[in-house]
Amino acid sequence: MTTSSPESPPPPIAPVAPPRPERSGGGAALVAAGILASRLMGLVRERVFAHYLGNSEVAAVFKAALRIPNFLQNLFGEGVLSGSFIPVYAQLLGRKDTETADRVAGAVFGILSLVTAVVVALGMVFTPLLVDAIAPGFQGQERELAVHLVRILFPGTGMLVLSAWCLGILNSHRRFLLSYLAPVVWNLVIIAALVAAGGRYEEEALVSVLAYAVVLGSFLQFAVQVPSVLKLMGRFRPTLSLAAEPVRQVLKNFGPVVLGRGVVQFSAWVDTAFASLISTRALSSLLYAQTIYLIPVSLFGMAVSAAELPEMSRATGEGADVAARLRQRIDGGARRICFWVVPSAAAFLFLGDMVAAALLQTGRFDAADSRYLWYLLMGAALGLVASTVGRLYASAFYALKDPKTPLRFAVVRVLVGTLGAWVLGLWLPGWLGVPQHLGALGLTLASGLVAWLEAGLLRRKLVKQLGPVGVPSGLLPRLWGAAAVAGLVAVGVKVGLTSLLGPMPGVTAEWGGSFLMPPRLHPVLGFAAVALPFGAVYFGMSAALGIPEAGTVLRKVGRKLRLVR
């Protein structure tokens, strides 16, 4: 096993007992609970946003404007700190060296604050250039509005970076819930602004109000975490000192992780740029689709990876012992991820219009918009499992203090993905003679395909270092078999409801046939009618196929039902 190490290695560390397996499951459950609350509130936010702004040009401009300064959060936020700061900080806590851990936390906070302030200032100065680069399809008034909104939003994104530092401290101390609940405050502020101003302002004025609400919400998301962070730290003194070896180790890891996140951000920018060239409807729908398909990625991939990273980082001792502990955690995490993400992907493939309608169809977002969003979810569904498992594999390399390997494979993913998005998004519709707006499906399809490439490369390298590791062979075929049967049953229910009640008005039969039309039923009721049999068949089939996670869920449900009786 090879790992990157500091220039001056620390003294040998005595082996410590491996963490109890149930603790990682409990940590993942807490992360999932926090993320679930945050994502549910995010869906409420998106539903209220869709009600007032729908797929309008102003909606597309606001969503693109929100994405531009978010590069700062993604460059220096949770992903980077998870790969550079948490492994070092958590290991110091595991060695009971709290004094050094506090010095490292203070130094990282000081350096991060300085870098963030500089980047925010530069971003506000060069906003017009950023808008032209990220959304070249914006012209005239759309471009002017985007520039105005981005300049408002940049400082708020800087606060989210500091919020991610709080998350790193809390996660390392196994306090998972608060850091993932904090975004609920951010969402609540935006929802309140939409409800208060939605019926009183024109669209352009409304999105300006929303931009200021985003800044306020970002500050509050940071502020609610600070008291708990200060209680956990024995002594907090922000500095810019690089004297401590662990601080230099964090910075040594920081560079490759920032580059890796930057590469991933470039991929997101490419999709945004290509979507803006297709149409404003394609751009806004792409960003709606990302909100939806990131729910299972966050709930299961992020929850498991975030809970496992501090535990994997604490694993010390002889090389063979460390490898065995990491294999155990990666294998267990991969099983849990696949069990929940496979049915999520199947739901997007078979029932994406019903999912989109239940979450967003209201006001200016109509049934035709839900139908169009389904196409984008189909493409994303193909890579959903790879995207979530890939997060866990990358976390294993971060725990090994090897951020360069995920960086190299991220570069490969982005290069191949950019070429794929260009071909599938901009050229394939013309070659096939289909409407150009369906190019947005090509963008999500390209992203899904290259996610498999990256996950495969990461797993191959892990196998070389740790031995056989990852998703057990034979698991995915059984899960997909159960999910496919469940999906077909749900489609049958959908067809029956459409035949009985008639099709939803406002949706044409193109690209799917009239038998796939949604029924004339309230979107939430329609989704519940197909989701319940889908879930029941999936859990029943997977339990019959001998998948232990299904049996565990069914036993818990059975106990609760007996308690109700």
Protein backbone atom coordinates (compact mmCIF):
# COMPACT_ATOMS: atom_id res chain seq x y z
CA MET A 1 0.00 0.00 0.00
CA THR A 2 1.35 3.41 -0.95
CA THR A 3 0.32 6.68 0.56
CA SER A 4 1.60 10.20 0.24
CA SER A 5 3.31 11.41 3.40
CA PRO A 6 4.70 14.67 4.77
CA GLU A 7 8.31 15.60 4.08
CA SER A 8 9.13 15.01 7.78
CA PRO A 9 7.09 11.99 8.89
CA PRO A 10 5.50 12.16 12.34
CA PRO A 11 6.70 9.73 14.98
CA PRO A 12 5.29 6.20 14.82
CA ILE A 13 1.73 5.93 15.99
CA ALA A 14 0.61 3.10 18.22
CA PRO A 15 -2.12 0.97 16.67
CA VAL A 16 -5.58 1.82 17.88
CA ALA A 17 -8.66 -0.34 17.98
CA PRO A 18 -10.82 -0.07 14.90
CA PRO A 19 -14.00 1.96 15.31
CA ARG A 20 -17.12 -0.05 15.94
CA PRO A 21 -18.93 -0.78 12.68
CA GLU A 22 -22.24 0.38 14.05
CA ARG A 23 -20.85 3.83 14.68
CA SER A 24 -20.30 4.51 10.99
CA GLY A 25 -23.85 3.36 10.29
CA GLY A 26 -25.13 5.70 12.98
CA GLY A 27 -23.04 8.53 11.59
CA ALA A 28 -24.36 7.88 8.09
CA ALA A 29 -27.91 7.86 9.48
CA LEU A 30 -27.37 11.24 11.14
CA VAL A 31 -25.86 12.68 7.97
CA ALA A 32 -28.74 11.26 5.96
CA ALA A 33 -31.28 12.72 8.40
CA GLY A 34 -29.70 16.16 8.13
CA ILE A 35 -29.39 15.95 4.36
CA LEU A 36 -32.97 14.68 4.05
CA ALA A 37 -34.30 17.64 6.01
CA SER A 38 -32.16 20.02 3.96
CA ARG A 39 -33.12 18.43 0.64
CA LEU A 40 -36.81 18.36 1.49
CA MET A 41 -36.64 22.03 2.32
CA GLY A 42 -34.69 22.55 -0.90
CA LEU A 43 -37.48 20.88 -2.83
CA VAL A 44 -40.00 23.18 -1.17
CA ARG A 45 -37.78 26.09 -2.23
CA GLU A 46 -37.63 24.81 -5.82
CA ARG A 47 -41.39 24.24 -5.90
CA VAL A 48 -42.09 27.77 -4.69
CA PHE A 49 -39.50 29.11 -7.17
CA ALA A 50 -41.11 27.15 -10.01
CA HIS A 51 -44.55 28.45 -8.99
CA TYR A 52 -43.51 32.08 -9.43
CA LEU A 53 -40.89 31.82 -12.19
CA GLY A 54 -41.32 28.44 -13.91
CA ASN A 55 -39.01 27.91 -16.90
CA SER A 56 -38.95 31.61 -17.84
CA GLU A 57 -35.88 33.43 -19.14
CA VAL A 58 -35.48 35.23 -15.81
CA ALA A 59 -35.58 31.89 -14.00
CA ALA A 60 -32.79 30.58 -16.22
CA VAL A 61 -30.72 33.73 -15.63
CA PHE A 62 -31.10 33.51 -11.85
CA LYS A 63 -30.18 29.82 -11.74
CA ALA A 64 -27.13 30.42 -13.93
CA ALA A 65 -26.14 33.45 -11.84
CA LEU A 66 -26.39 31.38 -8.66
CA ARG A 67 -24.10 28.76 -10.17
CA ILE A 68 -21.32 31.19 -11.15
CA PRO A 69 -20.22 32.28 -7.64
CA ASN A 70 -20.89 28.76 -6.37
CA PHE A 71 -17.60 27.76 -7.93
CA LEU A 72 -16.01 29.39 -4.87
CA GLN A 73 -18.02 27.20 -2.51
CA ASN A 74 -17.22 24.08 -4.51
CA LEU A 75 -13.52 24.95 -4.83
CA PHE A 76 -12.90 25.72 -1.16
CA GLY A 77 -15.94 24.23 0.52
CA GLU A 78 -16.94 20.83 1.84
CA GLY A 79 -15.42 18.72 -0.92
CA VAL A 80 -11.97 20.28 -0.60
CA LEU A 81 -11.94 20.33 3.20
CA SER A 82 -13.10 16.70 3.23
CA GLY A 83 -10.11 15.75 1.13
CA SER A 84 -7.45 17.87 2.82
CA PHE A 85 -8.44 19.08 6.30
CA ILE A 86 -10.64 16.34 7.79
CA PRO A 87 -8.17 13.43 7.33
CA VAL A 88 -5.41 15.34 9.15
CA TYR A 89 -7.64 16.87 11.82
CA ALA A 90 -9.52 13.61 12.52
CA GLN A 91 -6.26 11.69 12.86
CA LEU A 92 -4.98 14.22 15.42
CA LEU A 93 -8.20 13.78 17.38
CA GLY A 94 -7.78 10.02 17.18
CA ARG A 95 -4.28 10.41 18.71
CA LYS A 96 -5.77 12.63 21.47
CA ASP A 97 -3.51 15.49 20.37
CA THR A 98 -6.19 18.14 20.82
CA GLU A 99 -3.76 21.04 21.22
CA THR A 100 -2.24 20.46 17.78
CA ALA A 101 -5.71 19.83 16.35
CA ASP A 102 -6.86 23.24 17.61
CA ARG A 103 -3.81 24.94 16.08
CA VAL A 104 -4.48 23.25 12.75
CA ALA A 105 -8.16 24.28 12.82
CA GLY A 106 -7.25 27.90 13.58
CA ALA A 107 -4.64 28.04 10.84
CA VAL A 108 -6.97 26.52 8.26
CA PHE A 109 -9.71 28.98 9.22
CA GLY A 110 -7.34 31.96 8.87
CA ILE A 111 -5.89 30.86 5.54
CA LEU A 112 -9.30 29.90 4.17
CA SER A 113 -10.77 33.27 5.18
CA LEU A 114 -7.97 35.18 3.46
CA VAL A 115 -8.14 33.17 0.25
CA THR A 116 -11.93 33.37 0.16
CA ALA A 117 -11.93 37.16 0.64
CA VAL A 118 -9.47 37.61 -2.23
CA VAL A 119 -11.44 35.34 -4.57
CA VAL A 120 -14.73 37.07 -3.71
CA ALA A 121 -13.21 40.47 -4.49
CA LEU A 122 -11.76 39.25 -7.79
CA GLY A 123 -15.02 37.58 -8.71
CA MET A 124 -17.01 40.76 -8.19
CA VAL A 125 -14.53 42.73 -10.33
CA PHE A 126 -14.46 40.23 -13.19
CA THR A 127 -18.13 39.24 -13.09
CA PRO A 128 -18.85 40.24 -16.74
CA LEU A 129 -16.07 37.97 -17.98
CA LEU A 130 -17.33 35.11 -15.83
CA VAL A 131 -20.88 35.50 -17.16
CA ASP A 132 -19.62 35.48 -20.77
CA ALA A 133 -17.57 32.36 -20.10
CA ILE A 134 -20.20 30.37 -18.19
CA ALA A 135 -23.35 31.40 -20.07
CA PRO A 136 -22.32 32.52 -23.56
CA GLY A 137 -25.93 32.21 -24.70
CA PHE A 138 -26.95 35.23 -22.60
CA GLN A 139 -27.15 38.46 -24.56
CA GLY A 140 -28.42 41.97 -23.94
CA GLN A 141 -30.77 42.33 -20.98
CA GLU A 142 -30.27 38.71 -19.89
CA ARG A 143 -26.52 39.28 -19.63
CA GLU A 144 -26.95 42.54 -17.71
CA LEU A 145 -29.29 40.90 -15.22
CA ALA A 146 -26.87 38.00 -14.73
CA VAL A 147 -23.98 40.37 -14.01
CA HIS A 148 -26.12 42.29 -11.49
CA LEU A 149 -27.19 39.12 -9.68
CA VAL A 150 -23.74 37.54 -9.55
CA ARG A 151 -22.23 40.61 -7.90
CA ILE A 152 -24.87 40.43 -5.19
CA LEU A 153 -24.39 36.70 -4.66
CA PHE A 154 -20.60 36.45 -4.42
CA PRO A 155 -20.19 37.53 -0.76
CA GLY A 156 -22.84 35.04 0.35
CA THR A 157 -20.97 32.21 -1.31
CA GLY A 158 -17.88 33.22 0.67
CA MET A 159 -19.86 32.68 3.87
CA LEU A 160 -20.77 29.19 2.69
CA VAL A 161 -17.07 28.36 2.45
CA LEU A 162 -16.64 29.22 6.13
CA SER A 163 -19.75 27.16 6.85
CA ALA A 164 -17.96 24.20 5.26
CA TRP A 165 -15.05 24.72 7.71
CA CYS A 166 -17.58 24.34 10.54
CA LEU A 167 -18.81 21.14 8.91
CA GLY A 168 -15.25 19.78 8.88
CA ILE A 169 -14.85 20.42 12.61
CA LEU A 170 -18.24 18.95 13.50
CA ASN A 171 -17.84 15.83 11.32
CA SER A 172 -14.38 15.12 12.74
CA HIS A 173 -15.91 15.17 16.23
CA ARG A 174 -18.71 12.87 14.97
CA ARG A 175 -21.31 15.63 15.36
CA PHE A 176 -22.94 15.00 11.99
CA LEU A 177 -26.48 16.28 12.35
CA LEU A 178 -26.08 20.04 12.84
CA SER A 179 -23.74 20.65 9.92
CA TYR A 180 -26.15 19.00 7.48
CA LEU A 181 -29.22 20.61 9.04
CA ALA A 182 -27.72 24.12 8.73
CA PRO A 183 -28.71 24.52 5.04
CA VAL A 184 -32.34 24.33 6.17
CA VAL A 185 -31.90 27.89 7.44
CA TRP A 186 -30.55 28.96 4.01
CA ASN A 187 -33.59 27.45 2.30
CA LEU A 188 -36.05 28.96 4.77
CA VAL A 189 -34.77 32.48 4.14
CA ILE A 190 -35.16 32.07 0.36
CA ILE A 191 -38.63 30.54 0.70
CA ALA A 192 -39.70 33.41 2.95
CA ALA A 193 -38.42 35.92 0.40
CA LEU A 194 -40.29 34.18 -2.44
CA VAL A 195 -43.56 34.05 -0.51
CA ALA A 196 -43.26 37.66 0.66
CA ALA A 197 -42.20 39.15 -2.68
CA GLY A 198 -43.53 36.66 -5.24
CA GLY A 199 -46.89 38.30 -5.77
CA ARG A 200 -45.71 41.89 -5.36
CA TYR A 201 -42.73 42.31 -7.71
CA GLU A 202 -42.05 41.84 -11.38
CA GLU A 203 -39.75 38.96 -12.29
CA GLU A 204 -36.49 40.94 -12.53
CA ALA A 205 -37.11 42.73 -9.24
CA LEU A 206 -38.09 39.44 -7.62
CA VAL A 207 -34.80 37.71 -8.49
CA SER A 208 -32.89 40.70 -7.10
CA VAL A 209 -34.72 40.26 -3.80
CA LEU A 210 -33.90 36.56 -3.93
CA ALA A 211 -30.21 37.30 -4.46
CA TYR A 212 -30.08 39.37 -1.25
CA ALA A 213 -32.01 36.61 0.54
CA VAL A 214 -29.37 34.10 -0.56
CA VAL A 215 -26.65 36.26 1.02
CA LEU A 216 -28.58 36.53 4.29
CA GLY A 217 -29.27 32.80 4.33
CA SER A 218 -25.58 32.04 3.73
CA PHE A 219 -24.56 34.14 6.73
CA LEU A 220 -27.14 32.46 8.95
CA GLN A 221 -26.07 28.99 7.81
CA PHE A 222 -22.56 29.78 9.04
CA ALA A 223 -23.73 31.52 12.22
CA VAL A 224 -25.89 28.65 13.52
CA GLN A 225 -22.90 26.30 13.54
CA VAL A 226 -20.37 28.58 15.23
CA PRO A 227 -21.45 28.11 18.89
CA SER A 228 -21.21 24.31 18.67
CA VAL A 229 -17.85 24.49 16.91
CA LEU A 230 -16.38 26.77 19.58
CA LYS A 231 -17.58 24.41 22.33
CA LEU A 232 -15.84 21.46 20.70
CA MET A 233 -12.52 23.27 20.31
CA GLY A 234 -10.42 23.78 23.40
CA ARG A 235 -8.79 26.93 22.10
CA PHE A 236 -9.64 28.73 18.86
CA ARG A 237 -7.14 31.26 17.55
CA PRO A 238 -7.27 32.05 13.81
CA THR A 239 -3.76 32.45 12.38
CA LEU A 240 -1.90 32.38 9.09
CA SER A 241 0.99 30.37 10.55
CA LEU A 242 2.43 27.42 8.63
CA ALA A 243 4.81 26.41 11.42
CA ALA A 244 3.00 23.21 12.41
CA GLU A 245 3.74 20.16 10.27
CA PRO A 246 0.04 19.08 10.16
CA VAL A 247 -0.88 22.50 8.73
CA ARG A 248 1.65 22.00 5.95
CA GLN A 249 0.19 18.52 5.38
CA VAL A 250 -3.28 20.06 4.97
CA LEU A 251 -1.93 22.57 2.46
CA LYS A 252 0.00 19.85 0.66
CA ASN A 253 -3.25 17.94 0.23
CA PHE A 254 -5.18 21.14 -0.45
CA GLY A 255 -3.59 21.85 -3.84
CA PRO A 256 -4.47 18.56 -5.57
CA VAL A 257 -7.95 18.54 -4.06
CA VAL A 258 -8.63 22.12 -5.20
CA LEU A 259 -7.44 21.22 -8.67
CA GLY A 260 -9.66 18.15 -8.62
CA ARG A 261 -12.68 20.18 -7.57
CA GLY A 262 -11.78 22.79 -10.15
CA VAL A 263 -11.76 20.13 -12.83
CA VAL A 264 -15.20 18.92 -11.71
CA GLN A 265 -16.45 22.51 -11.68
CA PHE A 266 -15.20 22.94 -15.21
CA SER A 267 -17.41 20.03 -16.20
CA ALA A 268 -20.43 21.70 -14.57
CA TRP A 269 -19.59 24.97 -16.34
CA VAL A 270 -19.39 23.16 -19.66
CA ASP A 271 -22.88 21.72 -19.17
CA THR A 272 -24.21 25.17 -18.22
CA ALA A 273 -22.57 26.81 -21.23
CA PHE A 274 -23.82 24.17 -23.66
CA ALA A 275 -27.34 24.31 -22.18
CA SER A 276 -27.40 28.11 -22.58
CA LEU A 277 -26.57 27.61 -26.27
CA ILE A 278 -29.44 25.13 -26.68
CA SER A 279 -32.16 27.31 -25.09
CA THR A 280 -33.08 29.05 -21.87
CA ARG A 281 -35.64 26.29 -21.26
CA ALA A 282 -32.88 23.69 -21.57
CA LEU A 283 -30.71 25.63 -19.12
CA SER A 284 -33.35 26.08 -16.43
CA SER A 285 -34.57 22.48 -16.84
CA LEU A 286 -31.01 21.17 -16.55
CA LEU A 287 -30.60 22.96 -13.23
CA TYR A 288 -33.99 21.72 -12.01
CA ALA A 289 -32.95 18.19 -13.01
CA GLN A 290 -29.69 18.51 -11.10
CA THR A 291 -31.60 19.49 -7.99
CA ILE A 292 -33.69 16.32 -8.26
CA TYR A 293 -31.05 13.74 -9.16
CA LEU A 294 -28.64 15.08 -6.56
CA ILE A 295 -31.12 14.06 -3.84
CA PRO A 296 -30.13 10.35 -3.85
CA VAL A 297 -26.48 11.31 -4.45
CA SER A 298 -26.56 13.47 -1.32
CA LEU A 299 -28.77 11.23 0.82
CA PHE A 300 -26.81 8.07 0.20
CA GLY A 301 -23.48 8.83 -1.47
CA MET A 302 -22.66 11.95 0.54
CA ALA A 303 -24.14 10.59 3.77
CA VAL A 304 -22.11 7.38 3.69
CA SER A 305 -18.93 9.04 2.40
CA ALA A 306 -19.08 11.88 4.93
CA ALA A 307 -19.57 9.48 7.83
CA GLU A 308 -16.88 7.05 6.65
CA LEU A 309 -14.14 9.60 5.90
CA PRO A 310 -13.29 10.50 9.54
CA GLU A 311 -13.44 6.82 10.53
CA MET A 312 -11.20 5.72 7.66
CA SER A 313 -8.80 8.55 8.53
CA ARG A 314 -8.56 7.29 12.12
CA ALA A 315 -7.51 3.79 11.00
CA THR A 316 -3.83 3.46 11.93
CA GLY A 317 -1.39 0.62 12.53
CA GLU A 318 0.37 -1.83 10.23
CA GLY A 319 -0.30 -1.62 6.50
CA ALA A 320 -2.20 -4.90 6.32
CA ASP A 321 -4.41 -3.94 9.27
CA VAL A 322 -5.23 -0.56 7.79
CA ALA A 323 -6.03 -2.13 4.42
CA ALA A 324 -8.38 -4.65 6.04
CA ARG A 325 -10.23 -1.94 7.96
CA LEU A 326 -10.59 0.24 4.88
CA ARG A 327 -11.86 -2.68 2.80
CA GLN A 328 -14.48 -3.44 5.44
CA ARG A 329 -15.72 0.14 5.49
CA ILE A 330 -15.65 0.63 1.72
CA ASP A 331 -17.45 -2.65 1.04
CA GLY A 332 -20.13 -1.93 3.63
CA GLY A 333 -20.60 1.63 2.42
CA ALA A 334 -20.81 0.55 -1.23
CA ARG A 335 -23.51 -2.03 -0.43
CA ARG A 336 -25.63 0.54 1.41
CA ILE A 337 -25.21 3.07 -1.38
CA CYS A 338 -26.20 0.67 -4.16
CA PHE A 339 -29.21 -0.70 -2.29
CA TRP A 340 -30.79 2.77 -2.11
CA VAL A 341 -29.47 4.43 -5.28
CA VAL A 342 -30.43 1.69 -7.76
CA PRO A 343 -34.20 2.12 -7.11
CA SER A 344 -33.76 5.89 -7.25
CA ALA A 345 -32.22 5.58 -10.71
CA ALA A 346 -34.96 3.18 -11.79
CA ALA A 347 -37.63 5.63 -10.59
CA PHE A 348 -36.06 8.36 -12.75
CA LEU A 349 -35.98 6.03 -15.76
CA PHE A 350 -39.52 4.63 -15.49
CA LEU A 351 -41.39 7.41 -13.67
CA GLY A 352 -39.36 10.58 -14.14
CA ASP A 353 -42.34 12.64 -15.28
CA MET A 354 -44.31 11.64 -12.19
CA VAL A 355 -41.34 12.45 -9.94
CA ALA A 356 -40.85 15.87 -11.57
CA ALA A 357 -44.57 16.65 -11.44
CA ALA A 358 -44.88 15.73 -7.76
CA LEU A 359 -41.93 17.91 -6.82
CA LEU A 360 -42.26 20.93 -9.12
CA GLN A 361 -45.52 21.04 -11.10
CA THR A 362 -47.33 24.14 -9.88
CA GLY A 363 -48.08 27.65 -11.12
CA ARG A 364 -45.90 28.44 -14.14
CA PHE A 365 -44.28 24.98 -14.15
CA ASP A 366 -46.77 22.82 -16.07
CA ALA A 367 -47.14 19.19 -17.17
CA ALA A 368 -45.16 19.80 -20.37
CA ASP A 369 -42.24 21.04 -18.28
CA SER A 370 -42.43 17.89 -16.13
CA ARG A 371 -42.39 15.75 -19.27
CA TYR A 372 -39.33 17.55 -20.61
CA LEU A 373 -37.58 17.21 -17.29
CA TRP A 374 -38.13 13.44 -17.47
CA TYR A 375 -35.85 13.22 -20.51
CA LEU A 376 -33.02 14.85 -18.60
CA LEU A 377 -33.56 12.57 -15.60
CA MET A 378 -33.31 9.54 -17.89
CA GLY A 379 -29.81 10.51 -18.92
CA ALA A 380 -28.75 11.27 -15.36
CA ALA A 381 -30.16 7.96 -14.08
CA LEU A 382 -27.65 5.93 -16.07
CA GLY A 383 -24.74 7.30 -14.07
CA LEU A 384 -26.37 7.73 -10.69
CA VAL A 385 -24.88 4.62 -9.06
CA ALA A 386 -21.40 5.39 -10.38
CA SER A 387 -21.55 8.99 -9.15
CA THR A 388 -22.49 7.98 -5.61
CA VAL A 389 -20.10 5.04 -5.27
CA GLY A 390 -17.35 7.15 -6.82
CA ARG A 391 -17.67 9.60 -3.91
CA LEU A 392 -16.94 6.79 -1.47
CA TYR A 393 -13.93 5.60 -3.47
CA ALA A 394 -12.54 9.15 -3.59
CA SER A 395 -13.01 9.47 0.19
CA ALA A 396 -10.88 6.35 0.66
CA PHE A 397 -8.00 8.02 -1.19
CA TYR A 398 -8.43 11.17 0.90
CA ALA A 399 -8.25 9.04 4.05
CA LEU A 400 -5.00 7.58 2.68
CA LYS A 401 -3.78 11.18 2.20
CA ASP A 402 -3.56 10.58 -1.54
CA PRO A 403 -5.61 13.36 -3.18
CA LYS A 404 -3.63 13.17 -6.43
CA THR A 405 -5.24 9.94 -7.61
CA PRO A 406 -8.81 11.33 -7.57
CA LEU A 407 -7.44 14.44 -9.32
CA ARG A 408 -5.95 12.44 -12.19
CA PHE A 409 -9.13 10.48 -12.75
CA ALA A 410 -11.26 13.63 -12.48
CA VAL A 411 -9.22 15.14 -15.31
CA VAL A 412 -9.88 12.07 -17.44
CA ARG A 413 -13.58 12.24 -16.63
CA VAL A 414 -13.87 15.90 -17.55
CA LEU A 415 -11.95 15.61 -20.82
CA VAL A 416 -14.04 12.67 -22.00
CA GLY A 417 -17.23 14.22 -20.60
CA THR A 418 -16.69 17.53 -22.35
CA LEU A 419 -16.24 15.79 -25.68
CA GLY A 420 -19.30 13.66 -25.00
CA ALA A 421 -21.44 16.66 -24.01
CA TRP A 422 -20.38 18.53 -27.15
CA VAL A 423 -21.29 15.60 -29.41
CA LEU A 424 -24.43 14.36 -27.63
CA GLY A 425 -25.74 17.77 -26.56
CA LEU A 426 -25.06 20.01 -29.55
CA TRP A 427 -24.70 17.73 -32.56
CA LEU A 428 -26.58 14.47 -32.00
CA PRO A 429 -30.11 15.99 -32.16
CA GLY A 430 -29.38 17.38 -35.62
CA TRP A 431 -27.92 14.09 -36.81
CA LEU A 432 -30.99 12.20 -35.57
CA GLY A 433 -33.46 14.82 -36.84
CA VAL A 434 -35.02 15.40 -33.40
CA PRO A 435 -35.78 18.81 -31.82
CA GLN A 436 -32.68 20.69 -30.70
CA HIS A 437 -34.02 21.15 -27.16
CA LEU A 438 -33.58 17.40 -26.61
CA GLY A 439 -29.84 18.08 -26.64
CA ALA A 440 -30.17 18.68 -22.89
CA LEU A 441 -30.77 14.92 -22.58
CA GLY A 442 -27.40 14.42 -24.26
CA LEU A 443 -25.72 16.58 -21.61
CA THR A 444 -27.02 14.48 -18.70
CA LEU A 445 -26.35 11.25 -20.62
CA ALA A 446 -22.72 12.23 -21.21
CA SER A 447 -22.27 13.04 -17.51
CA GLY A 448 -23.75 9.69 -16.53
CA LEU A 449 -21.54 7.68 -18.85
CA VAL A 450 -18.28 9.30 -17.75
CA ALA A 451 -19.24 8.78 -14.09
CA TRP A 452 -18.85 5.04 -14.74
CA LEU A 453 -15.45 5.66 -16.27
CA GLU A 454 -14.23 7.60 -13.22
CA ALA A 455 -15.67 5.12 -10.69
CA GLY A 456 -14.07 2.23 -12.56
CA LEU A 457 -10.66 3.89 -12.55
CA LEU A 458 -10.89 4.71 -8.84
CA ARG A 459 -11.90 1.17 -7.92
CA ARG A 460 -9.15 -0.36 -10.04
CA LYS A 461 -6.53 1.70 -8.23
CA LEU A 462 -8.02 0.84 -4.82
CA VAL A 463 -7.89 -2.86 -5.65
CA LYS A 464 -4.18 -2.53 -6.41
CA GLN A 465 -3.57 -0.86 -3.04
CA LEU A 466 -5.99 -2.63 -0.73
CA GLY A 467 -6.99 -5.85 -2.44
CA PRO A 468 -10.51 -6.81 -3.63
CA VAL A 469 -12.76 -3.93 -2.63
CA GLY A 470 -15.89 -2.12 -3.74
CA VAL A 471 -19.35 -3.22 -4.90
CA PRO A 472 -19.51 -7.04 -4.55
CA SER A 473 -19.87 -8.90 -7.82
CA GLY A 474 -23.43 -10.01 -8.50
CA LEU A 475 -25.01 -7.35 -6.29
CA LEU A 476 -25.89 -4.82 -9.00
CA PRO A 477 -27.58 -7.34 -11.34
CA ARG A 478 -29.84 -8.51 -8.49
CA LEU A 479 -30.65 -4.95 -7.44
CA TRP A 480 -31.34 -3.83 -11.01
CA GLY A 481 -33.48 -6.91 -11.61
CA ALA A 482 -35.64 -6.07 -8.60
CA ALA A 483 -35.79 -2.39 -9.59
CA ALA A 484 -36.73 -3.20 -13.19
CA VAL A 485 -39.63 -5.44 -12.11
CA ALA A 486 -40.76 -2.73 -9.68
CA GLY A 487 -40.53 -0.11 -12.43
CA LEU A 488 -42.63 -2.17 -14.84
CA VAL A 489 -45.28 -2.74 -12.17
CA ALA A 490 -45.38 1.02 -11.48
CA VAL A 491 -45.68 1.78 -15.21
CA GLY A 492 -48.57 -0.67 -15.38
CA VAL A 493 -50.31 1.20 -12.55
CA LYS A 494 -49.65 4.48 -14.36
CA VAL A 495 -51.12 3.16 -17.63
CA GLY A 496 -54.16 1.88 -15.78
CA LEU A 497 -54.76 5.23 -14.12
CA THR A 498 -54.39 7.06 -17.44
CA SER A 499 -56.86 4.69 -19.12
CA LEU A 500 -59.33 5.13 -16.27
CA LEU A 501 -59.04 8.89 -15.67
CA GLY A 502 -57.71 10.16 -19.00
CA PRO A 503 -54.33 11.81 -19.71
CA MET A 504 -53.03 14.94 -18.04
CA PRO A 505 -53.86 18.00 -20.19
CA GLY A 506 -51.02 19.99 -21.71
CA VAL A 507 -48.74 17.01 -22.55
CA THR A 508 -48.27 15.68 -26.07
CA ALA A 509 -47.64 12.03 -26.88
CA GLU A 510 -44.32 12.62 -28.69
CA TRP A 511 -41.23 10.72 -27.57
CA GLY A 512 -42.91 8.03 -25.55
CA GLY A 513 -46.34 7.23 -26.95
CA SER A 514 -49.76 7.93 -25.53
CA PHE A 515 -49.57 4.87 -23.24
CA LEU A 516 -46.91 6.69 -21.17
CA MET A 517 -48.98 9.81 -20.67
CA PRO A 518 -49.46 10.81 -17.00
CA PRO A 519 -53.01 10.42 -15.62
CA ARG A 520 -55.41 13.30 -15.00
CA LEU A 521 -54.71 13.36 -11.29
CA HIS A 522 -53.07 15.73 -8.84
CA PRO A 523 -49.29 15.20 -9.33
CA VAL A 524 -48.67 14.30 -5.68
CA LEU A 525 -51.52 11.77 -5.60
CA GLY A 526 -50.41 10.33 -8.93
CA PHE A 527 -46.85 9.88 -7.71
CA ALA A 528 -48.02 8.25 -4.48
CA ALA A 529 -50.19 5.83 -6.49
CA VAL A 530 -47.20 4.57 -8.50
CA ALA A 531 -44.48 4.96 -5.86
CA LEU A 532 -46.11 2.72 -3.23
CA PRO A 533 -46.30 -0.40 -5.45
CA PHE A 534 -42.84 0.43 -6.84
CA GLY A 535 -41.32 0.45 -3.36
CA ALA A 536 -43.21 -2.63 -2.17
CA VAL A 537 -42.15 -4.70 -5.18
CA TYR A 538 -38.52 -3.54 -4.97
CA PHE A 539 -38.14 -4.40 -1.29
CA GLY A 540 -39.99 -7.69 -1.70
CA MET A 541 -37.98 -8.74 -4.75
CA SER A 542 -34.61 -7.75 -3.28
CA ALA A 543 -35.41 -9.61 -0.05
CA ALA A 544 -36.38 -12.70 -2.07
CA LEU A 545 -33.05 -12.43 -3.91
CA GLY A 546 -31.17 -12.64 -0.63
CA ILE A 547 -30.06 -9.03 -0.22
CA PRO A 548 -29.58 -8.49 3.54
CA GLU A 549 -30.32 -4.76 3.51
CA ALA A 550 -33.85 -5.46 2.24
CA GLY A 551 -34.48 -7.95 5.01
CA THR A 552 -33.29 -5.43 7.60
CA VAL A 553 -35.68 -2.77 6.27
CA LEU A 554 -38.63 -5.16 6.14
CA ARG A 555 -38.00 -6.37 9.70
CA LYS A 556 -37.90 -2.77 10.97
CA VAL A 557 -41.13 -1.95 9.14
CA GLY A 558 -42.74 -5.10 10.54
CA ARG A 559 -41.78 -4.17 14.11
CA LYS A 560 -43.18 -0.68 13.71
CA LEU A 561 -46.44 -1.98 12.29
CA ARG A 562 -46.85 -4.31 15.25
CA LEU A 563 -46.23 -1.37 17.57
CA VAL A 564 -48.96 0.57 15.82
CA ARG A 565 -51.36 -2.29 16.36
